[in-house]
């Protein structure tokens, strides 16, 4: 009887944990963390999005997706393929990168750090945020 009770408790615990494990598996994966930018005080979320879009388009990035709290940028150049996901609010911008060199035989991406692209994009976003904050 004791073994049966343990088995029952184990199955109950398992039934409670399975939905949480599945939820973690279905969470979106935007890639590897690639940095955070601080947003100046008093900025509106729309201004943050505009700074990201201006910086991205100015550097040749294509906008793949745009929402109220996320922008996805894409760039393919010189054998590199990069997708950056920038999630943001009025306090900070978090950047994740799904980027690397493209294997010419398999067309798969060999995950690697970006060249200087990300550094320049961050500088441009910061500049656009600063210009907007200064103009207020």
C-alpha atoms as a PDB file:
ATOM      1  CA  UNK A   1       0.000   0.000   0.000  1.00  0.00           C
ATOM      2  CA  UNK A   2       2.842   2.361   0.824  1.00  0.00           C
ATOM      3  CA  UNK A   3       4.359   1.831  -2.641  1.00  0.00           C
ATOM      4  CA  UNK A   4       1.018   2.526  -4.272  1.00  0.00           C
ATOM      5  CA  UNK A   5       0.687   5.791  -2.336  1.00  0.00           C
ATOM      6  CA  UNK A   6       4.187   6.882  -3.401  1.00  0.00           C
ATOM      7  CA  UNK A   7       3.396   6.077  -7.016  1.00  0.00           C
ATOM      8  CA  UNK A   8       0.165   8.073  -6.808  1.00  0.00           C
ATOM      9  CA  UNK A   9       1.996  11.084  -5.332  1.00  0.00           C
ATOM     10  CA  UNK A  10       4.707  10.853  -7.980  1.00  0.00           C
ATOM     11  CA  UNK A  11       2.154  10.779 -10.812  1.00  0.00           C
ATOM     12  CA  UNK A  12       0.294  13.724  -9.301  1.00  0.00           C
ATOM     13  CA  UNK A  13       3.514  15.731  -9.048  1.00  0.00           C
ATOM     14  CA  UNK A  14       4.419  14.818 -12.616  1.00  0.00           C
ATOM     15  CA  UNK A  15       0.999  15.916 -13.857  1.00  0.00           C
ATOM     16  CA  UNK A  16       1.482  19.273 -12.153  1.00  0.00           C
ATOM     17  CA  UNK A  17       4.967  19.861 -13.608  1.00  0.00           C
ATOM     18  CA  UNK A  18       4.408  18.828 -17.238  1.00  0.00           C
ATOM     19  CA  UNK A  19       2.509  21.996 -18.261  1.00  0.00           C
ATOM     20  CA  UNK A  20       5.351  24.173 -16.938  1.00  0.00           C
ATOM     21  CA  UNK A  21       7.999  22.170 -18.781  1.00  0.00           C
ATOM     22  CA  UNK A  22       6.014  22.466 -22.019  1.00  0.00           C
ATOM     23  CA  UNK A  23       5.595  26.228 -21.571  1.00  0.00           C
ATOM     24  CA  UNK A  24       9.367  26.622 -21.302  1.00  0.00           C
ATOM     25  CA  UNK A  25       9.849  24.609 -24.505  1.00  0.00           C
ATOM     26  CA  UNK A  26       7.499  26.854 -26.462  1.00  0.00           C
ATOM     27  CA  UNK A  27       8.975  30.169 -25.261  1.00  0.00           C
ATOM     28  CA  UNK A  28      10.363  32.162 -28.179  1.00  0.00           C
ATOM     29  CA  UNK A  29      14.095  31.899 -28.758  1.00  0.00           C
ATOM     30  CA  UNK A  30      15.517  35.117 -30.151  1.00  0.00           C
ATOM     31  CA  UNK A  31      19.152  33.995 -30.024  1.00  0.00           C
ATOM     32  CA  UNK A  32      22.086  34.877 -27.808  1.00  0.00           C
ATOM     33  CA  UNK A  33      22.120  37.972 -25.589  1.00  0.00           C
ATOM     34  CA  UNK A  34      23.980  40.741 -27.434  1.00  0.00           C
ATOM     35  CA  UNK A  35      23.700  43.705 -25.107  1.00  0.00           C
ATOM     36  CA  UNK A  36      21.498  46.220 -23.377  1.00  0.00           C
ATOM     37  CA  UNK A  37      21.106  49.941 -23.966  1.00  0.00           C
ATOM     38  CA  UNK A  38      19.792  52.341 -21.346  1.00  0.00           C
ATOM     39  CA  UNK A  39      17.012  54.656 -22.522  1.00  0.00           C
ATOM     40  CA  UNK A  40      17.233  58.272 -21.287  1.00  0.00           C
ATOM     41  CA  UNK A  41      14.647  59.285 -18.686  1.00  0.00           C
ATOM     42  CA  UNK A  42      11.391  60.686 -19.984  1.00  0.00           C
ATOM     43  CA  UNK A  43      11.447  58.906 -23.350  1.00  0.00           C
ATOM     44  CA  UNK A  44       8.230  57.506 -24.758  1.00  0.00           C
ATOM     45  CA  UNK A  45       8.149  53.933 -26.031  1.00  0.00           C
ATOM     46  CA  UNK A  46       7.271  55.254 -29.514  1.00  0.00           C
ATOM     47  CA  UNK A  47      10.469  57.362 -29.450  1.00  0.00           C
ATOM     48  CA  UNK A  48      12.517  54.293 -28.536  1.00  0.00           C
ATOM     49  CA  UNK A  49      11.032  52.355 -31.441  1.00  0.00           C
ATOM     50  CA  UNK A  50      11.695  55.265 -33.801  1.00  0.00           C
ATOM     51  CA  UNK A  51      15.362  55.435 -32.692  1.00  0.00           C
ATOM     52  CA  UNK A  52      15.768  51.694 -33.368  1.00  0.00           C
ATOM     53  CA  UNK A  53      14.127  51.949 -36.792  1.00  0.00           C
ATOM     54  CA  UNK A  54      16.162  55.017 -37.817  1.00  0.00           C
ATOM     55  CA  UNK A  55      19.432  53.433 -36.719  1.00  0.00           C
ATOM     56  CA  UNK A  56      18.620  50.107 -38.377  1.00  0.00           C
ATOM     57  CA  UNK A  57      17.559  51.584 -41.700  1.00  0.00           C
ATOM     58  CA  UNK A  58      20.524  53.949 -41.652  1.00  0.00           C
ATOM     59  CA  UNK A  59      22.856  50.952 -41.411  1.00  0.00           C
ATOM     60  CA  UNK A  60      21.061  48.928 -44.102  1.00  0.00           C
ATOM     61  CA  UNK A  61      19.119  46.568 -41.845  1.00  0.00           C
ATOM     62  CA  UNK A  62      15.720  45.365 -43.078  1.00  0.00           C
ATOM     63  CA  UNK A  63      12.807  45.411 -40.647  1.00  0.00           C
ATOM     64  CA  UNK A  64      11.362  41.884 -40.439  1.00  0.00           C
ATOM     65  CA  UNK A  65       8.885  42.550 -37.654  1.00  0.00           C
ATOM     66  CA  UNK A  66       7.684  45.515 -35.652  1.00  0.00           C
ATOM     67  CA  UNK A  67       5.446  45.528 -32.566  1.00  0.00           C
ATOM     68  CA  UNK A  68       4.819  47.809 -29.596  1.00  0.00           C
ATOM     69  CA  UNK A  69       7.699  46.305 -27.623  1.00  0.00           C
ATOM     70  CA  UNK A  70       9.896  44.545 -30.202  1.00  0.00           C
ATOM     71  CA  UNK A  71      11.692  45.188 -33.489  1.00  0.00           C
ATOM     72  CA  UNK A  72      13.347  42.414 -35.506  1.00  0.00           C
ATOM     73  CA  UNK A  73      16.097  43.499 -37.898  1.00  0.00           C
ATOM     74  CA  UNK A  74      17.764  41.405 -40.613  1.00  0.00           C
ATOM     75  CA  UNK A  75      20.989  41.871 -42.564  1.00  0.00           C
ATOM     76  CA  UNK A  76      22.828  39.584 -44.952  1.00  0.00           C
ATOM     77  CA  UNK A  77      26.193  40.670 -46.261  1.00  0.00           C
ATOM     78  CA  UNK A  78      29.645  39.243 -47.090  1.00  0.00           C
ATOM     79  CA  UNK A  79      28.715  35.689 -46.130  1.00  0.00           C
ATOM     80  CA  UNK A  80      27.108  36.761 -42.853  1.00  0.00           C
ATOM     81  CA  UNK A  81      23.435  36.458 -41.978  1.00  0.00           C
ATOM     82  CA  UNK A  82      22.118  38.223 -38.931  1.00  0.00           C
ATOM     83  CA  UNK A  83      18.772  38.571 -37.215  1.00  0.00           C
ATOM     84  CA  UNK A  84      18.651  40.926 -34.240  1.00  0.00           C
ATOM     85  CA  UNK A  85      15.662  41.101 -31.926  1.00  0.00           C
ATOM     86  CA  UNK A  86      15.407  44.298 -29.927  1.00  0.00           C
ATOM     87  CA  UNK A  87      12.857  44.218 -27.110  1.00  0.00           C
ATOM     88  CA  UNK A  88      12.330  47.534 -25.401  1.00  0.00           C
ATOM     89  CA  UNK A  89      10.367  49.699 -23.026  1.00  0.00           C
ATOM     90  CA  UNK A  90      10.814  53.267 -21.752  1.00  0.00           C
ATOM     91  CA  UNK A  91      13.827  52.237 -19.615  1.00  0.00           C
ATOM     92  CA  UNK A  92      16.006  49.897 -21.708  1.00  0.00           C
ATOM     93  CA  UNK A  93      16.566  48.039 -24.953  1.00  0.00           C
ATOM     94  CA  UNK A  94      17.623  44.394 -24.803  1.00  0.00           C
ATOM     95  CA  UNK A  95      19.265  42.957 -27.902  1.00  0.00           C
ATOM     96  CA  UNK A  96      19.531  39.304 -28.855  1.00  0.00           C
ATOM     97  CA  UNK A  97      21.397  38.011 -31.872  1.00  0.00           C
ATOM     98  CA  UNK A  98      20.836  35.004 -34.094  1.00  0.00           C
ATOM     99  CA  UNK A  99      23.818  35.559 -36.349  1.00  0.00           C
ATOM    100  CA  UNK A 100      26.790  33.954 -37.989  1.00  0.00           C
ATOM    101  CA  UNK A 101      28.588  32.925 -41.138  1.00  0.00           C
ATOM    102  CA  UNK A 102      26.555  31.043 -43.730  1.00  0.00           C
ATOM    103  CA  UNK A 103      27.896  27.612 -44.694  1.00  0.00           C
ATOM    104  CA  UNK A 104      27.832  27.668 -48.504  1.00  0.00           C
ATOM    105  CA  UNK A 105      27.246  23.908 -48.794  1.00  0.00           C
ATOM    106  CA  UNK A 106      24.351  23.536 -46.347  1.00  0.00           C
ATOM    107  CA  UNK A 107      23.108  27.149 -46.155  1.00  0.00           C
ATOM    108  CA  UNK A 108      23.106  26.728 -42.359  1.00  0.00           C
ATOM    109  CA  UNK A 109      24.362  29.473 -40.094  1.00  0.00           C
ATOM    110  CA  UNK A 110      27.497  28.751 -38.067  1.00  0.00           C
ATOM    111  CA  UNK A 111      26.715  30.792 -34.971  1.00  0.00           C
ATOM    112  CA  UNK A 112      29.375  33.420 -34.361  1.00  0.00           C
ATOM    113  CA  UNK A 113      29.726  36.849 -32.871  1.00  0.00           C
ATOM    114  CA  UNK A 114      28.901  39.643 -35.270  1.00  0.00           C
ATOM    115  CA  UNK A 115      31.625  41.787 -36.686  1.00  0.00           C
ATOM    116  CA  UNK A 116      31.447  45.481 -35.847  1.00  0.00           C
ATOM    117  CA  UNK A 117      27.859  45.722 -37.144  1.00  0.00           C
ATOM    118  CA  UNK A 118      26.314  45.432 -33.712  1.00  0.00           C
ATOM    119  CA  UNK A 119      28.638  47.999 -32.155  1.00  0.00           C
ATOM    120  CA  UNK A 120      27.784  50.564 -34.859  1.00  0.00           C
ATOM    121  CA  UNK A 121      24.059  49.861 -34.579  1.00  0.00           C
ATOM    122  CA  UNK A 122      24.189  50.380 -30.796  1.00  0.00           C
ATOM    123  CA  UNK A 123      26.071  53.654 -31.276  1.00  0.00           C
ATOM    124  CA  UNK A 124      23.483  54.873 -33.781  1.00  0.00           C
ATOM    125  CA  UNK A 125      20.543  53.922 -31.545  1.00  0.00           C
ATOM    126  CA  UNK A 126      22.184  55.728 -28.627  1.00  0.00           C
ATOM    127  CA  UNK A 127      22.779  58.793 -30.813  1.00  0.00           C
ATOM    128  CA  UNK A 128      19.138  58.870 -31.986  1.00  0.00           C
ATOM    129  CA  UNK A 129      17.895  58.474 -28.406  1.00  0.00           C
ATOM    130  CA  UNK A 130      20.176  61.267 -27.270  1.00  0.00           C
ATOM    131  CA  UNK A 131      19.022  63.595 -30.057  1.00  0.00           C
ATOM    132  CA  UNK A 132      15.378  62.938 -29.173  1.00  0.00           C
ATOM    133  CA  UNK A 133      15.996  63.473 -25.440  1.00  0.00           C
ATOM    134  CA  UNK A 134      17.906  66.703 -26.136  1.00  0.00           C
ATOM    135  CA  UNK A 135      15.172  68.076 -28.397  1.00  0.00           C
ATOM    136  CA  UNK A 136      12.527  67.824 -25.650  1.00  0.00           C
END
